[in-house]
Amino acid sequence: MVRKILVFILLALPLAAQVKLTQGTDRIAIEIDGKPFTDLFIGSAYVKPFLHPLRAASGTIVTRRFPMELVEGEARDHPHHRGLWFTHGDVNGIDFWANEPTDKRTNLGRVVIRRLVNLKDGKKSGFLKALFDWQDPKGKVLLSELRTI
């Protein structure tokens, strides 16, 4: 019986992954068991928050690198496709989806962090909670979003 319990505990250990979140000036680094998983980019240089790159449990990067990195042979279209993000293409006529500054349209919005509400490491999981403002081209807040990742 003790042997079965010991085997179960040893098999379950990989399921109890340590999650660590480290806040930097323009991003929050997310590690799992001491290995990089992704970064949440939230700096003022970015027009929306996004996770980049995303890694599988093996460490293999599963998102494309462009436009954050230039990798030989990788397509360089759709510069607004940055890792993993959540926005919409039309909020009151303002585009938060394809909103790269290189696009010369006048209806491009920005999603900016107002405040980091909570950042929590954990033995089995971790999370962050942030308040984001969705702004029109003049900086007027159209909506505020409380996001938990």
C-alpha atoms as a PDB file:
ATOM      1  CA  MET A   1       0.000   0.000   0.000  1.00  0.00           C
ATOM      2  CA  VAL A   2       2.786   2.443   0.922  1.00  0.00           C
ATOM      3  CA  ARG A   3       4.498   1.625  -2.374  1.00  0.00           C
ATOM      4  CA  LYS A   4       1.330   2.521  -4.343  1.00  0.00           C
ATOM      5  CA  ILE A   5       1.003   5.834  -2.500  1.00  0.00           C
ATOM      6  CA  LEU A   6       4.673   6.643  -3.138  1.00  0.00           C
ATOM      7  CA  VAL A   7       4.291   5.869  -6.859  1.00  0.00           C
ATOM      8  CA  PHE A   8       1.182   8.083  -7.024  1.00  0.00           C
ATOM      9  CA  ILE A   9       3.003  10.979  -5.334  1.00  0.00           C
ATOM     10  CA  LEU A  10       5.981  10.659  -7.679  1.00  0.00           C
ATOM     11  CA  LEU A  11       3.694  10.616 -10.726  1.00  0.00           C
ATOM     12  CA  ALA A  12       1.759  13.640  -9.466  1.00  0.00           C
ATOM     13  CA  LEU A  13       4.842  15.809  -8.776  1.00  0.00           C
ATOM     14  CA  PRO A  14       5.082  17.157 -12.332  1.00  0.00           C
ATOM     15  CA  LEU A  15       1.469  18.359 -12.010  1.00  0.00           C
ATOM     16  CA  ALA A  16       2.437  20.662  -9.136  1.00  0.00           C
ATOM     17  CA  ALA A  17       4.443  23.166 -11.148  1.00  0.00           C
ATOM     18  CA  GLN A  18       5.872  26.259  -9.461  1.00  0.00           C
ATOM     19  CA  VAL A  19       4.715  29.436 -11.222  1.00  0.00           C
ATOM     20  CA  LYS A  20       6.746  32.621 -10.831  1.00  0.00           C
ATOM     21  CA  LEU A  21       5.784  36.074 -12.143  1.00  0.00           C
ATOM     22  CA  THR A  22       8.404  38.834 -12.250  1.00  0.00           C
ATOM     23  CA  GLN A  23       7.453  42.414 -13.029  1.00  0.00           C
ATOM     24  CA  GLY A  24       9.843  44.409 -15.198  1.00  0.00           C
ATOM     25  CA  THR A  25       9.567  47.914 -16.609  1.00  0.00           C
ATOM     26  CA  ASP A  26       7.681  46.974 -19.778  1.00  0.00           C
ATOM     27  CA  ARG A  27       6.715  43.335 -19.223  1.00  0.00           C
ATOM     28  CA  ILE A  28       5.915  40.620 -16.736  1.00  0.00           C
ATOM     29  CA  ALA A  29       7.981  37.441 -17.106  1.00  0.00           C
ATOM     30  CA  ILE A  30       6.169  34.170 -16.412  1.00  0.00           C
ATOM     31  CA  GLU A  31       8.182  31.083 -15.501  1.00  0.00           C
ATOM     32  CA  ILE A  32       7.032  27.559 -14.765  1.00  0.00           C
ATOM     33  CA  ASP A  33       9.390  25.364 -12.756  1.00  0.00           C
ATOM     34  CA  GLY A  34      12.220  27.828 -13.337  1.00  0.00           C
ATOM     35  CA  LYS A  35      11.838  27.791 -17.134  1.00  0.00           C
ATOM     36  CA  PRO A  36      10.491  30.672 -19.226  1.00  0.00           C
ATOM     37  CA  PHE A  37       6.895  30.211 -20.373  1.00  0.00           C
ATOM     38  CA  THR A  38       6.037  33.649 -21.777  1.00  0.00           C
ATOM     39  CA  ASP A  39       6.218  37.395 -21.159  1.00  0.00           C
ATOM     40  CA  LEU A  40       3.252  39.734 -20.943  1.00  0.00           C
ATOM     41  CA  PHE A  41       4.277  42.918 -22.770  1.00  0.00           C
ATOM     42  CA  ILE A  42       2.570  45.953 -21.214  1.00  0.00           C
ATOM     43  CA  GLY A  43       4.967  48.821 -21.897  1.00  0.00           C
ATOM     44  CA  SER A  44       4.003  52.164 -23.376  1.00  0.00           C
ATOM     45  CA  ALA A  45       5.853  51.272 -26.598  1.00  0.00           C
ATOM     46  CA  TYR A  46       3.159  48.701 -27.408  1.00  0.00           C
ATOM     47  CA  VAL A  47      -0.361  49.445 -28.679  1.00  0.00           C
ATOM     48  CA  LYS A  48      -1.887  46.458 -26.880  1.00  0.00           C
ATOM     49  CA  PRO A  49      -0.815  43.944 -24.234  1.00  0.00           C
ATOM     50  CA  PHE A  50       0.310  40.591 -25.590  1.00  0.00           C
ATOM     51  CA  LEU A  51       1.981  37.339 -24.528  1.00  0.00           C
ATOM     52  CA  HIS A  52       5.163  36.503 -26.449  1.00  0.00           C
ATOM     53  CA  PRO A  53       6.551  33.981 -27.098  1.00  0.00           C
ATOM     54  CA  LEU A  54       4.373  31.157 -25.853  1.00  0.00           C
ATOM     55  CA  ARG A  55       6.182  27.915 -25.077  1.00  0.00           C
ATOM     56  CA  ALA A  56       5.002  24.331 -24.756  1.00  0.00           C
ATOM     57  CA  ALA A  57       5.941  22.325 -21.657  1.00  0.00           C
ATOM     58  CA  SER A  58       8.974  21.076 -23.606  1.00  0.00           C
ATOM     59  CA  GLY A  59      10.191  24.666 -24.076  1.00  0.00           C
ATOM     60  CA  THR A  60       9.385  24.701 -27.786  1.00  0.00           C
ATOM     61  CA  ILE A  61       8.120  28.097 -28.927  1.00  0.00           C
ATOM     62  CA  VAL A  62       4.649  27.657 -30.449  1.00  0.00           C
ATOM     63  CA  THR A  63       3.978  31.216 -31.637  1.00  0.00           C
ATOM     64  CA  ARG A  64       5.678  32.948 -34.524  1.00  0.00           C
ATOM     65  CA  ARG A  65       8.398  35.433 -33.621  1.00  0.00           C
ATOM     66  CA  PHE A  66       7.603  38.273 -36.044  1.00  0.00           C
ATOM     67  CA  PRO A  67       7.312  41.205 -35.509  1.00  0.00           C
ATOM     68  CA  MET A  68       9.130  41.037 -32.161  1.00  0.00           C
ATOM     69  CA  GLU A  69      12.042  39.125 -33.694  1.00  0.00           C
ATOM     70  CA  LEU A  70      13.181  38.649 -37.275  1.00  0.00           C
ATOM     71  CA  VAL A  71      13.660  34.961 -38.060  1.00  0.00           C
ATOM     72  CA  GLU A  72      14.978  33.883 -41.445  1.00  0.00           C
ATOM     73  CA  GLY A  73      12.292  32.149 -43.514  1.00  0.00           C
ATOM     74  CA  GLU A  74       9.395  33.305 -41.324  1.00  0.00           C
ATOM     75  CA  ALA A  75       6.594  35.323 -42.957  1.00  0.00           C
ATOM     76  CA  ARG A  76       6.650  39.045 -42.187  1.00  0.00           C
ATOM     77  CA  ASP A  77       3.023  39.853 -42.897  1.00  0.00           C
ATOM     78  CA  HIS A  78       0.395  41.000 -40.400  1.00  0.00           C
ATOM     79  CA  PRO A  79       2.640  42.975 -38.005  1.00  0.00           C
ATOM     80  CA  HIS A  80      -0.314  43.328 -35.622  1.00  0.00           C
ATOM     81  CA  HIS A  81      -0.210  39.557 -34.948  1.00  0.00           C
ATOM     82  CA  ARG A  82       1.977  39.636 -31.833  1.00  0.00           C
ATOM     83  CA  GLY A  83       2.000  36.358 -29.917  1.00  0.00           C
ATOM     84  CA  LEU A  84      -1.319  35.967 -28.112  1.00  0.00           C
ATOM     85  CA  TRP A  85      -3.572  38.948 -27.425  1.00  0.00           C
ATOM     86  CA  PHE A  86      -7.204  39.901 -26.971  1.00  0.00           C
ATOM     87  CA  THR A  87      -8.769  42.945 -28.629  1.00  0.00           C
ATOM     88  CA  HIS A  88     -11.530  43.780 -31.111  1.00  0.00           C
ATOM     89  CA  GLY A  89     -11.423  45.258 -34.604  1.00  0.00           C
ATOM     90  CA  ASP A  90     -14.192  47.769 -34.045  1.00  0.00           C
ATOM     91  CA  VAL A  91     -15.173  49.473 -30.797  1.00  0.00           C
ATOM     92  CA  ASN A  92     -17.231  52.575 -31.601  1.00  0.00           C
ATOM     93  CA  GLY A  93     -15.398  52.843 -34.933  1.00  0.00           C
ATOM     94  CA  ILE A  94     -11.927  52.504 -33.388  1.00  0.00           C
ATOM     95  CA  ASP A  95      -9.675  49.600 -34.471  1.00  0.00           C
ATOM     96  CA  PHE A  96      -7.926  47.827 -31.582  1.00  0.00           C
ATOM     97  CA  TRP A  97      -7.048  44.717 -33.628  1.00  0.00           C
ATOM     98  CA  ALA A  98      -4.938  45.878 -36.606  1.00  0.00           C
ATOM     99  CA  ASN A  99      -3.649  48.947 -34.800  1.00  0.00           C
ATOM    100  CA  GLU A 100       0.063  49.104 -35.584  1.00  0.00           C
ATOM    101  CA  PRO A 101       1.436  52.670 -35.685  1.00  0.00           C
ATOM    102  CA  THR A 102       2.939  51.988 -39.138  1.00  0.00           C
ATOM    103  CA  ASP A 103      -0.619  51.871 -40.470  1.00  0.00           C
ATOM    104  CA  LYS A 104      -1.504  55.456 -41.352  1.00  0.00           C
ATOM    105  CA  ARG A 105      -5.255  55.154 -40.670  1.00  0.00           C
ATOM    106  CA  THR A 106      -6.731  57.666 -38.236  1.00  0.00           C
ATOM    107  CA  ASN A 107      -8.981  55.281 -36.275  1.00  0.00           C
ATOM    108  CA  LEU A 108      -6.323  53.245 -34.438  1.00  0.00           C
ATOM    109  CA  GLY A 109      -6.826  52.673 -30.727  1.00  0.00           C
ATOM    110  CA  ARG A 110      -4.470  51.654 -27.927  1.00  0.00           C
ATOM    111  CA  VAL A 111      -4.951  49.324 -24.971  1.00  0.00           C
ATOM    112  CA  VAL A 112      -2.790  50.595 -22.114  1.00  0.00           C
ATOM    113  CA  ILE A 113      -2.272  49.346 -18.603  1.00  0.00           C
ATOM    114  CA  ARG A 114      -3.664  51.671 -15.980  1.00  0.00           C
ATOM    115  CA  ARG A 115      -2.741  49.586 -12.972  1.00  0.00           C
ATOM    116  CA  LEU A 116      -1.436  46.167 -12.028  1.00  0.00           C
ATOM    117  CA  VAL A 117      -3.992  45.029  -9.461  1.00  0.00           C
ATOM    118  CA  ASN A 118      -2.454  41.744  -8.296  1.00  0.00           C
ATOM    119  CA  LEU A 119       0.505  39.529  -9.105  1.00  0.00           C
ATOM    120  CA  LYS A 120       0.672  36.142  -7.381  1.00  0.00           C
ATOM    121  CA  ASP A 121       3.190  33.320  -7.626  1.00  0.00           C
ATOM    122  CA  GLY A 122       2.183  29.834  -6.583  1.00  0.00           C
ATOM    123  CA  LYS A 123       3.193  26.229  -6.102  1.00  0.00           C
ATOM    124  CA  LYS A 124       0.512  24.947  -8.490  1.00  0.00           C
ATOM    125  CA  SER A 125      -0.580  28.072 -10.317  1.00  0.00           C
ATOM    126  CA  GLY A 126      -0.106  31.796 -10.516  1.00  0.00           C
ATOM    127  CA  PHE A 127      -2.084  34.724 -11.826  1.00  0.00           C
ATOM    128  CA  LEU A 128      -2.003  38.381 -12.554  1.00  0.00           C
ATOM    129  CA  LYS A 129      -4.849  40.846 -12.596  1.00  0.00           C
ATOM    130  CA  ALA A 130      -4.542  44.177 -14.404  1.00  0.00           C
ATOM    131  CA  LEU A 131      -6.777  47.109 -15.277  1.00  0.00           C
ATOM    132  CA  PHE A 132      -6.491  48.194 -18.927  1.00  0.00           C
ATOM    133  CA  ASP A 133      -7.908  51.285 -20.626  1.00  0.00           C
ATOM    134  CA  TRP A 134      -8.968  51.089 -24.271  1.00  0.00           C
ATOM    135  CA  GLN A 135      -8.226  54.544 -25.687  1.00  0.00           C
ATOM    136  CA  ASP A 136      -9.188  56.250 -28.923  1.00  0.00           C
ATOM    137  CA  PRO A 137      -6.497  58.044 -31.006  1.00  0.00           C
ATOM    138  CA  LYS A 138      -6.863  61.172 -28.832  1.00  0.00           C
ATOM    139  CA  GLY A 139      -6.411  59.231 -25.576  1.00  0.00           C
ATOM    140  CA  LYS A 140     -10.086  59.231 -24.553  1.00  0.00           C
ATOM    141  CA  VAL A 141     -10.971  56.057 -22.628  1.00  0.00           C
ATOM    142  CA  LEU A 142     -13.743  54.151 -24.406  1.00  0.00           C
ATOM    143  CA  LEU A 143     -13.793  51.277 -21.925  1.00  0.00           C
ATOM    144  CA  SER A 144     -11.883  49.890 -18.983  1.00  0.00           C
ATOM    145  CA  GLU A 145     -11.186  46.188 -18.687  1.00  0.00           C
ATOM    146  CA  LEU A 146     -10.212  44.172 -15.642  1.00  0.00           C
ATOM    147  CA  ARG A 147      -8.266  41.196 -17.042  1.00  0.00           C
ATOM    148  CA  THR A 148      -7.069  38.119 -15.143  1.00  0.00           C
ATOM    149  CA  ILE A 149      -4.431  35.880 -16.699  1.00  0.00           C
END
